[in-house]
N, C-alpha and C. Protein backbone atom coordinates (compact mmCIF):
# COMPACT_ATOMS: atom_id res chain seq x y z
N UNK A 1 -6.33 -15.87 -9.54
CA UNK A 1 -7.19 -15.58 -7.94
C UNK A 1 -6.53 -16.11 -7.09
N UNK A 2 -5.80 -17.55 -7.37
CA UNK A 2 -5.54 -18.41 -5.87
C UNK A 2 -4.16 -18.95 -6.11
N UNK A 3 -3.56 -19.03 -4.88
CA UNK A 3 -1.97 -19.39 -5.37
C UNK A 3 -2.17 -20.92 -5.43
N UNK A 4 -2.87 -21.34 -5.03
CA UNK A 4 -3.05 -22.81 -5.18
C UNK A 4 -3.93 -23.49 -6.50
N UNK A 5 -2.70 -23.76 -7.21
CA UNK A 5 -2.71 -24.58 -8.71
C UNK A 5 -4.08 -25.76 -8.55
N UNK A 6 -4.65 -25.81 -7.19
CA UNK A 6 -5.40 -27.17 -7.25
C UNK A 6 -6.99 -26.72 -7.24
N UNK A 7 -7.10 -25.23 -7.64
CA UNK A 7 -8.18 -24.76 -7.61
C UNK A 7 -8.46 -24.07 -8.88
N UNK A 8 -9.69 -23.93 -9.19
CA UNK A 8 -9.89 -22.88 -9.89
C UNK A 8 -9.48 -21.60 -10.40
N UNK A 9 -9.27 -21.36 -11.38
CA UNK A 9 -8.61 -19.73 -11.34
C UNK A 9 -9.79 -18.68 -11.22
N UNK A 10 -10.53 -18.81 -10.76
CA UNK A 10 -12.05 -17.37 -10.88
C UNK A 10 -12.97 -17.91 -9.46
N UNK A 11 -13.16 -16.68 -9.12
CA UNK A 11 -13.48 -16.35 -7.93
C UNK A 11 -14.70 -17.51 -7.25
N UNK A 12 -14.71 -17.59 -5.63
CA UNK A 12 -16.13 -17.87 -5.47
C UNK A 12 -17.38 -17.12 -5.63
N UNK A 13 -18.80 -17.36 -5.91
CA UNK A 13 -19.51 -16.38 -6.19
C UNK A 13 -20.40 -15.90 -4.73
N UNK A 14 -20.43 -14.60 -4.06
CA UNK A 14 -21.11 -14.14 -3.18
C UNK A 14 -22.53 -14.61 -2.70
N UNK A 15 -23.44 -15.04 -2.00
CA UNK A 15 -24.38 -15.46 -1.45
C UNK A 15 -25.21 -14.36 -1.60
N UNK A 16 -26.16 -14.59 -1.51
CA UNK A 16 -27.07 -13.38 -1.77
C UNK A 16 -28.39 -14.16 -1.49
N UNK A 17 -29.23 -12.71 -1.19
CA UNK A 17 -30.91 -13.06 0.13
C UNK A 17 -30.76 -14.56 0.70
N UNK A 18 -29.61 -14.64 1.26
CA UNK A 18 -29.70 -15.39 2.63
C UNK A 18 -31.20 -15.06 3.93
N UNK A 19 -31.75 -15.89 3.67
CA UNK A 19 -32.54 -15.91 4.51
C UNK A 19 -33.07 -17.20 5.18
N UNK A 20 -33.01 -16.85 6.41
CA UNK A 20 -33.06 -18.45 7.10
C UNK A 20 -33.75 -19.58 6.96
N UNK A 21 -33.02 -21.02 6.16
CA UNK A 21 -34.01 -21.90 5.71
C UNK A 21 -33.16 -22.76 6.45
N UNK A 22 -34.18 -23.95 7.12
CA UNK A 22 -33.76 -24.95 8.00
C UNK A 22 -33.19 -26.55 6.66
N UNK A 23 -33.87 -26.12 5.42
CA UNK A 23 -34.25 -27.11 4.64
C UNK A 23 -32.54 -26.73 3.66
N UNK A 24 -32.17 -25.49 3.34
CA UNK A 24 -31.03 -25.55 2.60
C UNK A 24 -29.99 -25.87 3.16
N UNK A 25 -29.92 -25.46 5.19
CA UNK A 25 -28.74 -26.04 6.06
C UNK A 25 -28.96 -27.22 6.29
N UNK A 26 -29.55 -28.02 6.29
CA UNK A 26 -29.97 -29.66 6.26
C UNK A 26 -28.71 -29.68 4.81
N UNK A 27 -29.11 -29.58 3.47
CA UNK A 27 -28.76 -29.87 2.50
C UNK A 27 -27.22 -29.76 2.40
N UNK A 28 -26.57 -28.64 3.48
CA UNK A 28 -25.27 -28.32 3.79
C UNK A 28 -24.29 -29.12 4.83
N UNK A 29 -24.80 -29.66 5.80
CA UNK A 29 -24.76 -30.32 6.81
C UNK A 29 -23.47 -31.52 6.26
N UNK A 30 -24.10 -32.55 6.31
CA UNK A 30 -23.12 -33.37 5.08
C UNK A 30 -21.89 -33.23 4.35
N UNK A 31 -21.92 -31.77 3.77
CA UNK A 31 -20.71 -31.48 2.41
C UNK A 31 -19.70 -30.86 3.76
N UNK A 32 -20.41 -30.19 4.85
CA UNK A 32 -19.40 -29.49 5.44
C UNK A 32 -18.41 -30.45 6.85
N UNK A 33 -19.42 -31.57 7.67
CA UNK A 33 -19.04 -32.07 8.27
C UNK A 33 -19.57 -33.49 8.99
N UNK A 34 -20.01 -34.30 7.21
CA UNK A 34 -20.67 -35.42 7.61
C UNK A 34 -19.29 -36.54 7.53
N UNK A 35 -20.11 -37.87 7.18
CA UNK A 35 -19.07 -39.08 6.88
C UNK A 35 -17.78 -38.75 5.89
N UNK A 36 -18.07 -38.73 4.60
CA UNK A 36 -17.48 -38.00 3.57
C UNK A 36 -18.02 -36.75 3.34
N UNK A 37 -17.11 -35.65 4.03
CA UNK A 37 -17.32 -34.41 3.75
C UNK A 37 -15.95 -33.55 4.04
N UNK A 38 -16.40 -32.30 3.75
CA UNK A 38 -14.57 -31.25 3.39
C UNK A 38 -13.66 -31.24 4.54
N UNK A 39 -14.81 -31.81 5.51
CA UNK A 39 -13.99 -31.99 7.01
C UNK A 39 -13.16 -33.40 7.29
N UNK A 40 -13.69 -34.36 6.60
CA UNK A 40 -12.99 -35.58 6.56
C UNK A 40 -11.51 -35.80 5.88
N UNK A 41 -12.35 -35.04 4.54
CA UNK A 41 -10.91 -34.48 3.61
C UNK A 41 -9.82 -34.01 4.18
N UNK A 42 -10.04 -33.03 4.65
CA UNK A 42 -8.70 -32.45 5.00
C UNK A 42 -7.84 -33.47 6.01
N UNK A 43 -8.17 -33.77 6.36
CA UNK A 43 -8.11 -34.45 8.17
C UNK A 43 -7.22 -35.87 7.10
N UNK A 44 -8.08 -36.48 6.34
CA UNK A 44 -7.52 -37.64 5.91
C UNK A 44 -6.45 -37.10 4.67
N UNK A 45 -6.50 -36.25 3.86
CA UNK A 45 -5.54 -36.02 3.29
C UNK A 45 -3.69 -35.10 3.73
N UNK A 46 -4.42 -34.41 4.63
CA UNK A 46 -3.22 -34.22 5.81
C UNK A 46 -2.47 -35.09 6.69
N UNK A 47 -2.85 -36.33 7.35
CA UNK A 47 -2.58 -37.45 7.73
C UNK A 47 -1.94 -38.76 6.53
N UNK A 48 -2.39 -38.30 5.44
CA UNK A 48 -1.89 -38.72 3.82
C UNK A 48 -0.42 -38.32 3.92
N UNK A 49 -0.50 -37.27 3.68
CA UNK A 49 0.72 -36.16 3.42
C UNK A 49 2.01 -36.10 4.13
N UNK A 50 1.30 -36.78 5.58
CA UNK A 50 2.68 -36.83 6.71
C UNK A 50 3.13 -38.20 6.28
N UNK A 51 2.30 -39.19 5.53
CA UNK A 51 2.75 -40.90 5.57
C UNK A 51 3.44 -40.69 4.80
N UNK A 52 3.22 -39.86 3.44
CA UNK A 52 4.25 -40.13 1.86
C UNK A 52 5.09 -38.89 2.07
N UNK A 53 5.39 -38.30 2.88
CA UNK A 53 6.12 -37.22 2.88
C UNK A 53 7.24 -37.14 2.68
N UNK A 54 7.88 -38.59 3.34
CA UNK A 54 9.31 -38.97 2.81
C UNK A 54 9.84 -39.26 2.16
N UNK A 55 8.47 -40.36 0.81
CA UNK A 55 9.17 -40.86 0.13
C UNK A 55 8.61 -40.44 -1.31
N UNK A 56 7.89 -38.98 -1.02
CA UNK A 56 7.84 -38.39 -2.55
C UNK A 56 6.81 -37.49 -2.21
N UNK A 57 8.22 -36.27 -2.53
CA UNK A 57 7.50 -34.40 -2.36
C UNK A 57 6.83 -33.83 -3.28
N UNK A 58 6.57 -34.85 -4.50
CA UNK A 58 5.39 -33.98 -4.94
C UNK A 58 4.54 -34.96 -4.37
N UNK A 59 4.05 -35.90 -4.36
CA UNK A 59 2.76 -36.68 -3.89
C UNK A 59 2.59 -35.47 -2.44
N UNK A 60 3.61 -35.82 -1.94
CA UNK A 60 3.35 -34.78 -0.49
C UNK A 60 2.70 -33.45 -0.60
N UNK A 61 3.29 -32.83 -1.67
CA UNK A 61 2.78 -31.17 -1.97
C UNK A 61 1.22 -31.41 -2.85
N UNK A 62 0.56 -32.83 -3.22
CA UNK A 62 -0.23 -32.24 -3.90
C UNK A 62 -1.33 -32.80 -2.62
N UNK A 63 -0.95 -33.56 -1.90
CA UNK A 63 -2.10 -33.64 -1.38
C UNK A 63 -2.12 -32.37 0.35
N UNK A 64 -0.92 -31.53 0.12
CA UNK A 64 -1.50 -30.67 0.96
C UNK A 64 -2.05 -29.55 0.64
N UNK A 65 -2.03 -29.50 -0.99
CA UNK A 65 -2.44 -28.28 -1.76
C UNK A 65 -4.40 -28.89 -2.02
N UNK A 66 -4.27 -29.85 -1.97
CA UNK A 66 -5.63 -30.22 -2.00
C UNK A 66 -6.83 -30.45 -0.25
N UNK A 67 -5.66 -30.63 0.35
CA UNK A 67 -6.09 -30.28 1.57
C UNK A 67 -6.28 -28.71 2.44
N UNK A 68 -5.47 -27.92 1.30
CA UNK A 68 -5.42 -26.40 1.72
C UNK A 68 -6.94 -25.65 0.64
N UNK A 69 -7.24 -26.92 -0.45
CA UNK A 69 -8.72 -26.20 -1.26
C UNK A 69 -9.45 -26.89 -0.37
N UNK A 70 -9.56 -28.12 0.04
CA UNK A 70 -11.23 -28.55 0.87
C UNK A 70 -11.17 -27.58 1.99
N UNK A 71 -9.78 -26.83 2.80
CA UNK A 71 -9.98 -26.14 3.75
C UNK A 71 -10.93 -24.72 3.18
N UNK A 72 -10.60 -24.12 2.42
CA UNK A 72 -11.63 -22.83 2.03
C UNK A 72 -12.98 -23.42 1.50
N UNK A 73 -13.36 -24.37 1.15
CA UNK A 73 -14.32 -25.18 1.24
C UNK A 73 -14.89 -25.41 2.35
N UNK A 74 -14.93 -25.80 3.61
CA UNK A 74 -15.12 -26.06 4.57
C UNK A 74 -15.15 -24.42 5.57
N UNK A 75 -14.73 -23.72 4.93
CA UNK A 75 -15.11 -22.40 4.94
C UNK A 75 -16.20 -21.60 4.38
N UNK A 76 -16.20 -21.61 3.40
CA UNK A 76 -17.61 -21.02 2.75
C UNK A 76 -18.76 -22.01 3.18
N UNK A 77 -18.51 -22.98 3.34
CA UNK A 77 -20.22 -23.55 3.54
C UNK A 77 -20.11 -23.34 5.41
N UNK A 78 -19.29 -23.09 6.39
CA UNK A 78 -19.34 -22.95 7.61
C UNK A 78 -20.26 -21.14 7.35
N UNK A 79 -19.21 -20.53 6.28
CA UNK A 79 -19.72 -19.26 6.62
C UNK A 79 -21.31 -19.15 5.94
N UNK A 80 -21.99 -20.04 4.68
CA UNK A 80 -23.04 -20.17 4.06
C UNK A 80 -23.90 -21.23 5.16
N UNK A 81 -23.81 -22.26 6.06
CA UNK A 81 -24.53 -22.32 7.32
C UNK A 81 -24.88 -21.60 7.86
N UNK A 82 -24.13 -20.60 8.63
CA UNK A 82 -24.52 -19.51 9.01
C UNK A 82 -24.67 -18.25 8.76
N UNK A 83 -25.30 -17.96 7.82
CA UNK A 83 -25.78 -17.29 6.71
C UNK A 83 -27.23 -17.50 6.53
N UNK A 84 -27.21 -19.11 6.41
CA UNK A 84 -29.08 -18.99 6.27
C UNK A 84 -29.36 -20.19 7.61
N UNK A 85 -29.04 -19.60 8.75
CA UNK A 85 -29.80 -19.21 10.20
C UNK A 85 -28.99 -21.04 10.90
N UNK A 86 -28.19 -21.61 10.23
CA UNK A 86 -27.49 -22.19 11.20
C UNK A 86 -26.47 -22.60 11.76
N UNK A 87 -26.28 -23.97 12.57
CA UNK A 87 -24.55 -23.44 13.47
C UNK A 87 -23.73 -24.83 12.80
N UNK A 88 -22.60 -24.69 11.85
CA UNK A 88 -21.57 -25.40 11.56
C UNK A 88 -20.88 -26.25 12.52
N UNK A 89 -21.37 -27.55 13.22
CA UNK A 89 -21.08 -28.26 13.97
C UNK A 89 -20.25 -29.43 13.76
N UNK A 90 -19.85 -29.80 14.01
CA UNK A 90 -18.51 -30.51 13.14
C UNK A 90 -19.58 -32.39 13.17
N UNK A 91 -20.35 -32.33 12.54
CA UNK A 91 -21.46 -33.36 12.11
C UNK A 91 -22.32 -33.01 11.10
N UNK A 92 -22.45 -34.04 9.90
CA UNK A 92 -23.56 -34.25 9.64
C UNK A 92 -25.10 -33.99 10.29
N UNK A 93 -25.70 -34.69 9.04
CA UNK A 93 -26.90 -34.64 9.65
C UNK A 93 -27.27 -35.81 10.87
N UNK A 94 -26.40 -37.23 10.45
CA UNK A 94 -27.09 -38.12 11.48
C UNK A 94 -26.35 -38.40 12.81
N UNK A 95 -24.38 -38.24 12.00
CA UNK A 95 -23.69 -38.16 13.55
C UNK A 95 -22.52 -37.17 13.48
N UNK A 96 -22.07 -36.85 14.55
CA UNK A 96 -21.06 -36.15 14.93
C UNK A 96 -19.85 -36.28 14.49
N UNK A 97 -18.61 -35.56 13.81
CA UNK A 97 -17.57 -35.97 13.17
C UNK A 97 -16.88 -36.90 14.34
N UNK A 98 -15.50 -37.85 13.41
CA UNK A 98 -14.84 -38.28 14.45
C UNK A 98 -13.94 -39.50 13.55
N UNK A 99 -12.90 -38.86 14.26
CA UNK A 99 -11.46 -39.88 13.37
C UNK A 99 -11.90 -41.00 12.45
N UNK A 100 -12.78 -42.14 13.21
CA UNK A 100 -12.67 -43.32 12.71
C UNK A 100 -13.86 -43.20 11.52
N UNK A 101 -14.25 -42.06 10.39
CA UNK A 101 -14.20 -41.94 9.68
C UNK A 101 -12.88 -41.36 8.47
N UNK A 102 -12.09 -41.23 8.94
CA UNK A 102 -10.82 -40.74 8.10
C UNK A 102 -10.55 -42.47 7.90
N UNK A 103 -9.33 -42.51 6.27
CA UNK A 103 -9.46 -43.79 5.42
C UNK A 103 -7.59 -43.88 6.38
N UNK A 104 -6.87 -44.74 7.44
CA UNK A 104 -5.58 -44.51 7.48
C UNK A 104 -4.66 -45.31 7.12
N UNK A 105 -5.16 -45.85 5.46
CA UNK A 105 -4.24 -46.57 4.84
C UNK A 105 -3.21 -46.35 4.79
N UNK A 106 -1.98 -47.24 4.43
CA UNK A 106 -0.58 -46.03 4.68
C UNK A 106 -0.10 -46.84 2.64
N UNK A 107 -1.28 -47.45 2.20
CA UNK A 107 -0.42 -47.31 0.68
C UNK A 107 -0.75 -46.53 -0.49
N UNK A 108 0.30 -46.11 -1.04
CA UNK A 108 0.11 -44.90 -2.22
C UNK A 108 -0.88 -45.13 -2.87
N UNK A 109 -0.98 -46.47 -3.55
CA UNK A 109 -1.96 -46.71 -4.63
C UNK A 109 -3.02 -47.37 -4.00
N UNK A 110 -3.33 -47.70 -3.03
CA UNK A 110 -4.50 -47.76 -2.09
C UNK A 110 -5.17 -46.10 -1.63
N UNK A 111 -4.30 -45.35 -1.09
CA UNK A 111 -4.50 -43.78 -0.65
C UNK A 111 -5.48 -43.25 -1.67
N UNK A 112 -4.19 -43.20 -3.25
CA UNK A 112 -5.36 -42.22 -4.21
C UNK A 112 -6.63 -43.75 -4.77
N UNK A 113 -6.48 -44.65 -4.52
CA UNK A 113 -7.83 -45.15 -4.58
C UNK A 113 -9.07 -44.09 -3.99
N UNK A 114 -8.77 -44.33 -2.36
CA UNK A 114 -9.75 -43.98 -1.58
C UNK A 114 -9.64 -42.45 -1.99
N UNK A 115 -9.09 -42.02 -1.88
CA UNK A 115 -8.86 -40.55 -2.60
C UNK A 115 -9.76 -39.82 -3.92
N UNK A 116 -9.76 -40.96 -4.87
CA UNK A 116 -10.19 -40.74 -6.10
C UNK A 116 -11.63 -40.73 -5.60
N UNK A 117 -11.84 -41.80 -5.05
CA UNK A 117 -14.08 -42.35 -4.71
C UNK A 117 -14.35 -41.40 -3.42
N UNK A 118 -13.40 -40.68 -2.94
CA UNK A 118 -14.09 -39.53 -1.79
C UNK A 118 -14.35 -37.76 -2.68
N UNK A 119 -13.42 -38.06 -3.74
CA UNK A 119 -13.71 -36.41 -4.86
C UNK A 119 -14.85 -36.74 -5.61
N UNK A 120 -14.79 -38.15 -5.93
CA UNK A 120 -16.08 -38.00 -7.02
C UNK A 120 -17.36 -38.28 -6.30
N UNK A 121 -17.20 -38.90 -4.30
CA UNK A 121 -18.67 -38.65 -3.61
C UNK A 121 -18.94 -37.15 -3.78
N UNK A 122 -17.90 -36.36 -3.25
CA UNK A 122 -17.75 -34.75 -3.14
C UNK A 122 -18.51 -34.11 -4.40
N UNK A 123 -18.41 -34.53 -5.44
CA UNK A 123 -19.09 -33.81 -6.56
C UNK A 123 -19.83 -34.50 -6.86
N UNK A 124 -20.40 -35.46 -6.31
CA UNK A 124 -21.97 -36.16 -6.44
C UNK A 124 -22.69 -35.23 -5.41
N UNK A 125 -22.14 -34.89 -3.97
CA UNK A 125 -22.68 -34.97 -2.89
C UNK A 125 -23.06 -32.82 -3.04
N UNK A 126 -22.27 -32.63 -3.95
CA UNK A 126 -21.99 -31.14 -4.56
C UNK A 126 -23.59 -31.15 -4.86
N UNK A 127 -23.25 -32.07 -6.30
CA UNK A 127 -24.79 -32.32 -7.15
C UNK A 127 -25.66 -32.59 -6.67
N UNK A 128 -26.29 -32.97 -6.02
CA UNK A 128 -27.23 -33.12 -4.83
C UNK A 128 -27.50 -32.03 -4.11
N UNK A 129 -26.56 -31.29 -3.62
CA UNK A 129 -26.96 -30.36 -3.16
C UNK A 129 -27.65 -28.96 -3.49
N UNK A 130 -26.61 -29.13 -4.88
CA UNK A 130 -27.60 -28.31 -6.32
C UNK A 130 -29.18 -28.33 -6.36
N UNK A 131 -29.68 -29.39 -6.21
CA UNK A 131 -30.59 -30.24 -6.40
C UNK A 131 -31.82 -29.82 -5.48
N UNK A 132 -30.82 -30.05 -3.73
CA UNK A 132 -31.67 -29.63 -2.91
C UNK A 132 -32.05 -28.25 -2.29
N UNK A 133 -31.03 -27.33 -2.22
CA UNK A 133 -31.28 -26.04 -2.04
C UNK A 133 -32.35 -25.34 -3.11
N UNK A 134 -32.88 -24.38 -1.99
CA UNK A 134 -33.55 -23.60 -3.03
C UNK A 134 -32.88 -22.23 -3.67
N UNK A 135 -32.43 -21.84 -2.76
CA UNK A 135 -31.16 -20.54 -3.39
C UNK A 135 -30.65 -20.35 -4.06
N UNK A 136 -30.62 -19.74 -5.00
CA UNK A 136 -29.72 -19.61 -6.64
C UNK A 136 -28.31 -19.40 -6.18
N UNK A 137 -28.17 -18.33 -5.47
CA UNK A 137 -26.43 -18.43 -5.23
C UNK A 137 -26.22 -19.48 -4.70
N UNK A 138 -26.40 -20.18 -3.73
CA UNK A 138 -25.55 -21.57 -2.67
C UNK A 138 -25.59 -22.46 -4.16
N UNK A 139 -26.58 -22.98 -4.85
CA UNK A 139 -26.28 -23.56 -6.24
C UNK A 139 -24.96 -23.66 -6.61
N UNK A 140 -24.99 -22.17 -6.91
CA UNK A 140 -23.34 -21.41 -7.85
C UNK A 140 -22.11 -21.84 -7.35
N UNK A 141 -22.87 -21.11 -5.65
CA UNK A 141 -21.46 -21.77 -4.67
C UNK A 141 -20.86 -23.59 -5.15
N UNK A 142 -22.39 -23.89 -5.08
CA UNK A 142 -21.95 -25.62 -5.02
C UNK A 142 -21.20 -25.58 -6.50
N UNK A 143 -21.39 -25.25 -7.47
CA UNK A 143 -21.07 -25.48 -9.30
C UNK A 143 -19.72 -24.91 -9.11
N UNK A 144 -19.41 -23.50 -8.53
CA UNK A 144 -17.98 -23.50 -8.31
C UNK A 144 -17.22 -24.30 -7.45
N UNK A 145 -17.60 -24.96 -6.91
CA UNK A 145 -16.83 -25.39 -5.31
C UNK A 145 -16.13 -26.96 -6.83
N UNK A 146 -17.17 -27.53 -7.03
CA UNK A 146 -17.28 -28.56 -8.08
C UNK A 146 -16.10 -28.41 -9.27
N UNK A 147 -16.05 -27.40 -9.37
CA UNK A 147 -14.91 -27.30 -10.18
C UNK A 147 -13.67 -27.42 -9.37
N UNK A 148 -13.52 -27.28 -8.54
CA UNK A 148 -12.31 -27.85 -8.11
C UNK A 148 -12.28 -29.23 -7.49
N UNK A 149 -12.86 -29.78 -7.12
CA UNK A 149 -13.36 -30.66 -6.88
C UNK A 149 -12.77 -31.90 -7.85
N UNK A 150 -13.45 -31.39 -9.54
CA UNK A 150 -12.78 -32.46 -10.53
C UNK A 150 -11.08 -32.09 -10.78
N UNK A 151 -10.56 -31.45 -10.42
CA UNK A 151 -9.15 -30.98 -10.24
C UNK A 151 -8.74 -31.67 -9.45
N UNK A 152 -9.08 -31.62 -8.35
CA UNK A 152 -8.78 -32.67 -7.35
C UNK A 152 -9.24 -34.50 -8.08
N UNK A 153 -10.00 -34.17 -8.62
CA UNK A 153 -9.98 -35.68 -9.02
C UNK A 153 -9.10 -36.03 -10.31
N UNK A 154 -9.19 -35.43 -10.95
CA UNK A 154 -8.27 -35.32 -11.77
C UNK A 154 -6.56 -35.73 -11.58
N UNK A 155 -6.07 -34.67 -10.69
CA UNK A 155 -4.88 -34.80 -10.40
C UNK A 155 -4.50 -36.18 -9.20
N UNK A 156 -5.33 -36.45 -8.68
CA UNK A 156 -5.47 -37.71 -8.39
C UNK A 156 -4.87 -39.17 -9.14
N UNK A 157 -6.10 -38.80 -9.90
CA UNK A 157 -5.98 -40.04 -11.17
C UNK A 157 -4.41 -39.51 -11.44
N UNK A 158 -4.57 -38.57 -12.23
CA UNK A 158 -2.90 -38.46 -12.87
C UNK A 158 -1.47 -38.59 -11.91
N UNK A 159 -1.59 -39.02 -10.38
CA UNK A 159 -0.69 -38.85 -9.44
C UNK A 159 -0.67 -40.89 -9.68
N UNK A 160 -1.81 -41.26 -9.87
CA UNK A 160 -1.84 -42.89 -9.58
C UNK A 160 -1.38 -43.31 -10.95
N UNK A 161 -1.28 -42.91 -12.20
CA UNK A 161 -0.73 -42.98 -13.18
C UNK A 161 0.67 -43.23 -13.06
N UNK A 162 1.34 -42.00 -12.39
CA UNK A 162 2.31 -41.64 -12.01
C UNK A 162 3.17 -42.77 -11.36
N UNK A 163 2.83 -43.46 -9.87
CA UNK A 163 3.33 -43.90 -9.26
C UNK A 163 3.20 -45.92 -9.94
N UNK A 164 2.08 -45.97 -10.59
CA UNK A 164 2.26 -47.32 -11.64
C UNK A 164 2.81 -47.47 -12.07
N UNK A 165 3.19 -46.08 -12.91
CA UNK A 165 4.00 -46.35 -14.07
C UNK A 165 5.66 -46.24 -13.88
N UNK A 166 5.84 -45.77 -11.68
CA UNK A 166 7.28 -45.88 -11.25
C UNK A 166 7.60 -47.22 -11.16
N UNK A 167 6.15 -47.77 -10.68
CA UNK A 167 6.28 -49.11 -10.14
C UNK A 167 6.76 -50.59 -11.02
N UNK A 168 6.73 -49.93 -12.58
CA UNK A 168 6.65 -50.93 -13.27
C UNK A 168 7.87 -51.56 -13.88
């Protein structure tokens, strides 16, 4: 289905019964572009890929591929926000997005620790959104995105083990 090995090999569900819903849009905004959002993940992972690129091609490619998967998630969320009557602005429910939301650490293990936390937060956020939204197709979309986030989480954990073993 996808060229990116860090995405589940199944399609994303189509949205159905899209009726304007302020509450459903509100449930998606922090996932789209809040503090710990798809937007933050994209910028953070791309920054990190530049930092580690010279030292580890494998790590660099992992970060790039996860960033591309997060771009797809952001695209899907943006389309869903519009479909349900919202405006996909680069800000969550409380504040507009800014570069201070990115963790700019350069240490590879700290990078992975940060990313592991960000991916777990994404999984938790999508599970919360599943409970928050009324539309069933949105719930299915979030469940599908969670599959990707779990792959990212496992990949970051595996990369951390590799880096620790190399440094021993």
